[in-house]
Protein backbone atom coordinates (compact mmCIF):
# COMPACT_ATOMS: atom_id res chain seq x y z
CA MET A 1 227.95 106.13 145.04
CA ALA A 2 228.26 109.11 142.62
CA HIS A 3 226.66 108.31 138.91
CA ARG A 4 227.90 109.08 135.48
CA VAL A 5 226.21 108.62 132.11
CA GLN A 6 228.29 106.94 129.26
CA PHE A 7 226.59 107.29 126.02
CA ASP A 8 227.25 107.51 121.79
CA PHE A 9 225.44 110.35 120.76
CA GLU A 10 224.69 112.08 117.20
CA ILE A 11 223.85 115.57 116.32
CA ASP A 12 222.67 117.58 113.53
CA PHE A 13 222.82 121.20 112.56
CA THR A 14 220.04 123.13 111.25
CA ASN A 15 222.75 125.02 109.58
CA GLY A 16 223.94 121.56 107.65
CA GLY A 17 226.69 119.07 108.50
CA GLY A 18 227.16 117.10 111.97
CA ILE A 19 229.28 115.55 114.91
CA GLN A 20 229.42 112.44 116.50
CA GLY A 21 230.54 111.27 119.82
CA ARG A 22 231.23 107.29 121.62
CA ASP A 23 231.63 107.08 125.22
CA PHE A 24 231.26 110.99 126.11
CA ARG A 25 230.61 110.74 129.79
CA LEU A 26 228.84 113.44 131.95
CA ASP A 27 228.07 113.76 135.62
CA ILE A 28 224.52 112.99 136.60
CA ALA A 29 223.10 114.59 140.14
CA GLY A 30 220.80 111.21 140.55
CA ASP A 31 220.41 107.44 138.81
CA ASP A 32 219.04 108.25 135.92
CA ILE A 33 218.25 110.80 133.18
CA SER A 34 216.13 110.41 129.50
CA ASP A 35 217.30 110.73 126.50
CA ARG A 36 215.58 114.10 126.18
CA GLU A 37 216.89 115.36 129.68
CA LEU A 38 220.58 113.66 128.09
CA ALA A 39 219.95 115.79 125.10
CA ASP A 40 219.83 119.15 126.32
CA TYR A 41 222.05 118.55 129.05
CA LEU A 42 224.51 118.14 125.98
CA VAL A 43 223.63 120.25 124.35
CA ALA A 44 224.24 122.59 127.23
CA ASP A 45 227.67 121.39 128.05
CA MET A 46 229.27 121.92 124.81
CA ARG A 47 227.86 125.04 124.32
CA LEU A 48 226.57 124.34 120.74
CA LEU A 49 224.61 126.43 118.64
CA MET A 50 222.36 125.96 115.64
CA VAL A 51 221.39 121.91 116.90
CA GLY A 52 218.42 120.25 115.12
CA ALA A 53 218.03 116.48 115.64
CA VAL A 54 220.15 114.49 118.46
CA ARG A 55 220.81 111.32 119.02
CA ILE A 56 221.37 109.01 121.69
CA LEU A 57 222.71 105.96 121.63
CA ASN A 58 223.99 102.95 123.79
CA LYS A 59 223.47 104.62 127.13
CA ARG A 60 224.19 103.32 129.94
CA ILE A 61 224.46 104.50 133.81
CA VAL A 62 227.66 103.84 135.39
CA GLU A 63 228.79 104.42 139.10
CA GLU A 64 232.24 106.16 139.50
CA PRO A 65 233.31 109.45 141.00
CA HIS A 66 232.15 113.05 139.83
CA LYS A 67 234.92 114.62 137.60
CA ARG A 68 233.42 118.10 138.87
CA LYS A 69 230.40 119.18 140.38
CA PRO A 70 227.16 117.50 138.38
CA ILE A 71 224.97 119.68 136.62
CA GLU A 72 221.67 118.80 136.73
CA ALA A 73 219.31 118.06 133.12
CA PRO A 74 218.91 121.46 131.99
CA ARG A 75 214.94 122.50 132.02
CA GLY A 76 216.00 126.11 131.54
CA ALA A 77 217.49 128.79 134.06
CA VAL A 78 213.72 129.18 136.01
CA GLU A 79 210.95 126.72 137.42
CA PHE A 80 207.44 127.35 137.77
CA VAL A 81 205.40 126.48 140.40
CA ASP A 82 201.30 125.95 139.74
CA LEU A 83 199.53 128.05 141.69
CA SER A 84 195.68 126.81 140.72
CA HIS A 85 193.19 124.11 141.25
CA THR A 86 192.13 120.91 139.55
CA ILE A 87 188.87 121.84 138.03
CA GLU A 88 187.55 118.33 137.41
CA PRO A 89 183.22 117.76 136.82
CA GLY A 90 181.73 117.66 140.04
CA LEU A 91 183.86 120.07 141.68
CA VAL A 92 181.53 122.87 143.47
CA THR A 93 184.02 126.43 143.52
CA TYR A 94 181.72 128.73 145.10
CA LYS A 95 178.66 127.37 146.86
CA GLY A 96 175.11 127.88 145.11
CA LEU A 97 176.85 127.73 141.69
CA PRO A 98 176.59 124.45 139.60
CA ALA A 99 179.67 122.12 139.59
CA PRO A 100 181.52 121.94 135.76
CA ILE A 101 180.57 119.09 133.67
CA VAL A 102 183.37 117.79 131.56
CA CYS A 103 182.27 115.06 128.79
CA ASP A 104 182.89 114.10 125.69
CA TYR A 105 181.69 115.74 122.27
CA LEU A 106 183.33 113.00 120.21
CA SER A 107 184.61 109.99 121.71
CA ARG A 108 187.32 107.98 121.05
CA GLU A 109 185.01 104.92 119.95
CA VAL A 110 182.62 107.07 117.85
CA SER A 111 185.92 108.49 116.07
CA ARG A 112 187.03 105.31 114.78
CA ALA A 113 184.54 105.20 112.47
CA ILE A 114 185.62 108.42 111.12
CA TYR A 115 189.29 108.31 110.84
CA ALA A 116 191.23 105.57 108.84
CA PRO A 117 192.27 102.68 111.15
CA GLY A 118 194.19 103.37 113.77
CA THR A 119 193.66 106.90 114.00
CA GLU A 120 191.43 108.17 116.78
CA PHE A 121 190.53 111.41 118.34
CA GLN A 122 188.65 112.56 121.71
CA ILE A 123 186.72 116.53 121.59
CA GLY A 124 185.78 117.05 125.21
CA LYS A 125 182.80 119.24 126.08
CA ILE A 126 182.78 121.65 129.13
CA GLU A 127 179.59 123.06 130.43
CA MET A 128 180.85 125.46 133.19
CA VAL A 129 179.93 128.45 135.21
CA THR A 130 182.70 131.09 134.82
CA ASN A 131 183.43 131.25 138.66
CA THR A 132 185.01 127.38 138.62
CA GLY A 133 188.49 127.10 139.62
CA THR A 134 191.49 129.40 140.64
CA TYR A 135 189.94 132.34 138.30
CA ILE A 136 190.42 136.15 137.69
CA ASP A 137 188.08 138.87 137.37
CA CYS A 138 188.54 141.68 135.18
CA PRO A 139 186.51 145.14 135.54
CA PHE A 140 183.09 143.74 133.21
CA HIS A 141 182.59 140.94 136.15
CA ARG A 142 181.42 144.15 138.44
CA TYR A 143 180.78 147.13 135.57
CA ALA A 144 178.42 146.96 133.44
CA ASP A 145 180.95 149.26 130.84
CA GLY A 146 184.40 148.05 132.48
CA LYS A 147 186.84 146.02 130.31
CA ASP A 148 186.12 142.32 129.55
CA LEU A 149 188.30 139.55 128.53
CA SER A 150 189.41 140.36 125.54
CA GLU A 151 189.83 143.88 126.31
CA VAL A 152 192.22 143.12 129.16
CA GLY A 153 195.93 143.06 127.61
CA ILE A 154 198.29 140.57 127.63
CA ASP A 155 200.65 142.58 130.19
CA ALA A 156 198.61 143.08 132.75
CA THR A 157 198.05 139.54 133.28
CA ALA A 158 201.43 137.80 132.13
CA ASP A 159 205.21 137.63 133.88
CA LEU A 160 204.28 140.45 136.32
CA ASP A 161 206.73 141.50 139.26
CA SER A 162 205.06 139.95 142.09
CA LEU A 163 205.12 139.63 145.52
CA VAL A 164 203.46 137.55 148.62
CA VAL A 165 202.11 138.81 151.76
CA ARG A 166 201.66 137.19 154.50
CA ALA A 167 198.62 136.56 155.68
CA PRO A 168 197.64 133.44 158.30
CA HIS A 169 194.07 132.99 158.61
CA THR A 170 193.00 133.84 162.20
CA PRO A 171 189.33 133.80 164.05
CA ALA A 172 188.66 137.41 163.26
CA GLN A 173 189.68 136.51 159.23
CA ALA A 174 190.20 140.14 158.24
CA ILE A 175 192.94 141.20 156.48
CA ASP A 176 193.21 145.26 156.81
CA ALA A 177 195.86 147.69 155.30
CA ASP A 178 198.46 147.24 158.34
CA ALA A 179 199.13 143.97 156.03
CA PHE A 180 200.34 145.73 153.33
CA ARG A 181 202.40 148.33 154.56
CA GLY A 182 206.03 148.68 154.70
CA LYS A 183 206.32 146.64 151.05
CA GLU A 184 207.33 147.72 147.77
CA ILE A 185 204.22 146.93 146.27
CA ARG A 186 203.56 149.55 143.05
CA GLY A 187 203.08 148.26 140.17
CA ARG A 188 202.57 144.22 140.97
CA ALA A 189 201.13 141.66 141.93
CA VAL A 190 200.01 140.98 145.22
CA LEU A 191 199.85 137.34 146.70
CA VAL A 192 197.48 137.19 149.18
CA HIS A 193 198.80 133.67 151.00
CA THR A 194 196.54 132.74 153.88
CA GLY A 195 196.48 128.95 153.95
CA TRP A 196 192.80 128.62 153.75
CA ASP A 197 193.43 126.53 150.51
CA ALA A 198 194.02 123.91 153.06
CA HIS A 199 190.47 123.55 152.75
CA TRP A 200 189.80 123.46 149.05
CA ASN A 201 187.09 120.73 147.89
CA THR A 202 185.69 120.61 151.49
CA PRO A 203 182.60 121.83 153.51
CA ARG A 204 184.88 124.34 155.25
CA TYR A 205 186.31 126.14 152.96
CA TYR A 206 182.85 127.87 151.92
CA GLU A 207 182.58 128.60 155.74
CA GLY A 208 184.17 131.98 156.42
CA GLY A 209 187.71 132.69 155.79
CA PRO A 210 190.25 135.13 155.23
CA PHE A 211 189.12 138.48 152.97
CA LEU A 212 190.47 141.91 153.20
CA THR A 213 188.46 145.05 153.99
CA ALA A 214 187.95 147.73 152.24
CA GLU A 215 190.30 149.80 154.08
CA ALA A 216 193.22 147.18 152.28
CA ALA A 217 191.27 147.49 148.96
CA LEU A 218 191.30 151.49 149.23
CA TYR A 219 195.33 151.05 150.00
CA LEU A 220 195.92 148.64 147.53
CA ARG A 221 194.14 150.85 144.96
CA ASP A 222 195.89 154.41 146.59
CA CYS A 223 199.41 152.27 146.01
CA GLY A 224 199.01 151.67 142.36
CA VAL A 225 199.64 147.61 142.85
CA LYS A 226 198.40 145.78 139.18
CA LEU A 227 196.72 142.95 140.57
CA VAL A 228 195.32 141.18 143.92
CA GLY A 229 195.50 137.19 144.86
CA ILE A 230 193.89 135.15 147.37
CA ASP A 231 194.26 131.59 148.10
CA ALA A 232 190.49 131.89 150.18
CA HIS A 233 187.00 131.30 148.82
CA ASN A 234 186.40 135.30 148.14
CA ILE A 235 188.54 138.32 147.83
CA ASP A 236 185.55 140.17 149.61
CA ASP A 237 183.32 139.36 153.34
CA THR A 238 180.40 136.75 152.02
CA ARG A 239 178.65 137.42 155.24
CA GLY A 240 177.13 140.38 154.00
CA ARG A 241 175.51 141.40 150.27
CA GLU A 242 178.16 144.43 149.83
CA ARG A 243 181.78 143.66 147.83
CA PRO A 244 183.67 146.80 148.28
CA VAL A 245 187.11 145.10 147.68
CA HIS A 246 185.68 143.75 144.11
CA THR A 247 184.50 147.34 143.58
CA ILE A 248 187.28 149.25 144.77
CA LEU A 249 189.67 147.02 142.75
CA LEU A 250 188.31 146.17 139.55
CA GLY A 251 186.63 150.01 139.54
CA ALA A 252 190.52 150.89 139.37
CA GLU A 253 191.56 148.35 136.52
CA ILE A 254 193.27 146.14 139.39
CA LEU A 255 192.78 142.49 138.05
CA ILE A 256 191.53 140.04 140.98
CA VAL A 257 192.10 136.30 140.63
CA GLU A 258 190.70 134.01 143.77
CA HIS A 259 190.79 130.37 144.87
CA MET A 260 194.96 130.66 144.67
CA CYS A 261 196.65 127.66 146.08
CA ASN A 262 200.28 126.67 146.66
CA LEU A 263 201.48 130.22 147.63
CA GLY A 264 203.63 128.73 150.86
CA ALA A 265 205.70 127.28 147.80
CA LEU A 266 207.20 130.70 146.51
CA PRO A 267 209.49 133.24 148.46
CA ASP A 268 208.63 136.50 149.59
CA GLU A 269 209.41 137.80 146.33
CA GLY A 270 212.21 137.97 143.11
CA PHE A 271 209.34 136.11 140.63
CA ALA A 272 207.08 136.53 137.92
CA PHE A 273 203.67 135.85 137.86
CA SER A 274 201.09 134.76 135.31
CA ALA A 275 196.92 134.07 134.94
CA THR A 276 196.26 134.92 131.19
CA PRO A 277 192.69 133.88 130.63
CA PRO A 278 191.46 133.41 127.02
CA LYS A 279 190.03 136.12 125.23
CA PHE A 280 186.23 135.93 125.86
CA LYS A 281 184.07 138.98 124.43
CA GLY A 282 181.55 139.51 126.86
CA ALA A 283 182.65 137.74 130.13
CA GLY A 284 184.45 139.19 132.96
CA THR A 285 185.83 136.23 134.93
CA PHE A 286 187.45 132.94 133.44
CA PRO A 287 189.58 129.99 134.96
CA VAL A 288 193.39 130.28 134.99
CA ARG A 289 196.32 128.42 134.75
CA ALA A 290 197.91 131.02 137.61
CA MET A 291 201.72 130.06 137.88
CA ALA A 292 205.35 131.87 139.05
CA LYS A 293 207.63 131.67 137.28
CA LEU A 294 211.14 132.07 139.61
CA PRO A 295 214.91 131.72 138.87
CA ARG A 296 216.06 127.93 140.01
CA ARG A 297 217.51 127.38 142.89
C-alpha cells in the first residue's frame, strides 16, 4: 500500500515573514519520514528560498494512493560511499606496528566536578602510529625532502575525478601495467579494487595480498595520474625489502591511499574521491576518511 504524510507546518524566512499550512499532504517512498527529512522535502517541493526555521506539527502517516511519483526525502543530489575501515583500540593495520590506544584524557565522570550540574564533556586521547587504518602517503613518507601533510594542497586530496580498476586477486597477486591500459586515467585518482579487504582484521590479511608491480607504477606515473588507492595490505610487494611502487609514485608526487574498503560498491567511474588528512607538519602518512561522492541513483 502506498503511503502519504499529512501534517501542519510553520516556516520562517531569514529575511522576515513566514508561511503556514494545514493538513498538507506529500507522497513518501516508504512508510515513515523524520521531521527533519520532511522539512527538507517540503522546502524542496515548494521551491522556497531564504528559509529559516521549519516546524512540523501534527504529523501522521496515512495509507492512500500516491498522487504522483513519490519523491524520497531529499538529502541532496549526491550520495557518499565510505571507503574507510573503522579504527578502534587494538586494531593491527600493519603487522609489526603497534595497535592504537583510544582512551579518555578527561572522562565524563571527572568533568562533572569541573562544570555546572548537568553539564559534562569527554576529551579523548589517542596514541597510534600514523600508518593506522585507511591512510594516505605523501612524498615525505618516502623522501626526506618531499612534501609532508602540511604541504599537500587540498586540491590533491579532495573531490578528485576518479575511476575504479577491477583487479580481482589471483594466486599470482601481482597487478601489472596491463590492468591500466586502455583507460582514461590522466589527472584522475585511480582506485584499484582487488577484494582483499574481505580479509581485513584477520591473520590472512597480512599473508601475501595483491600489489602493483614497478612496471605498473611507471605506467601510472607516465600517464600523469593524481592519486592511486588500493584495498589491500600494501601497494608494494612486501616479501622483499624494496618498495618500488612507493618510490616511483611518491617521487612523482602521486599520493597513495592504502587499506581501502567497499570499492565494490562503486561504479567504474562517474564519481569524485576524497581522502583528506589533517595538516600535520613533519608527517608523511596519516589516517583519512576516504569517501566517494556520486550522483544519487
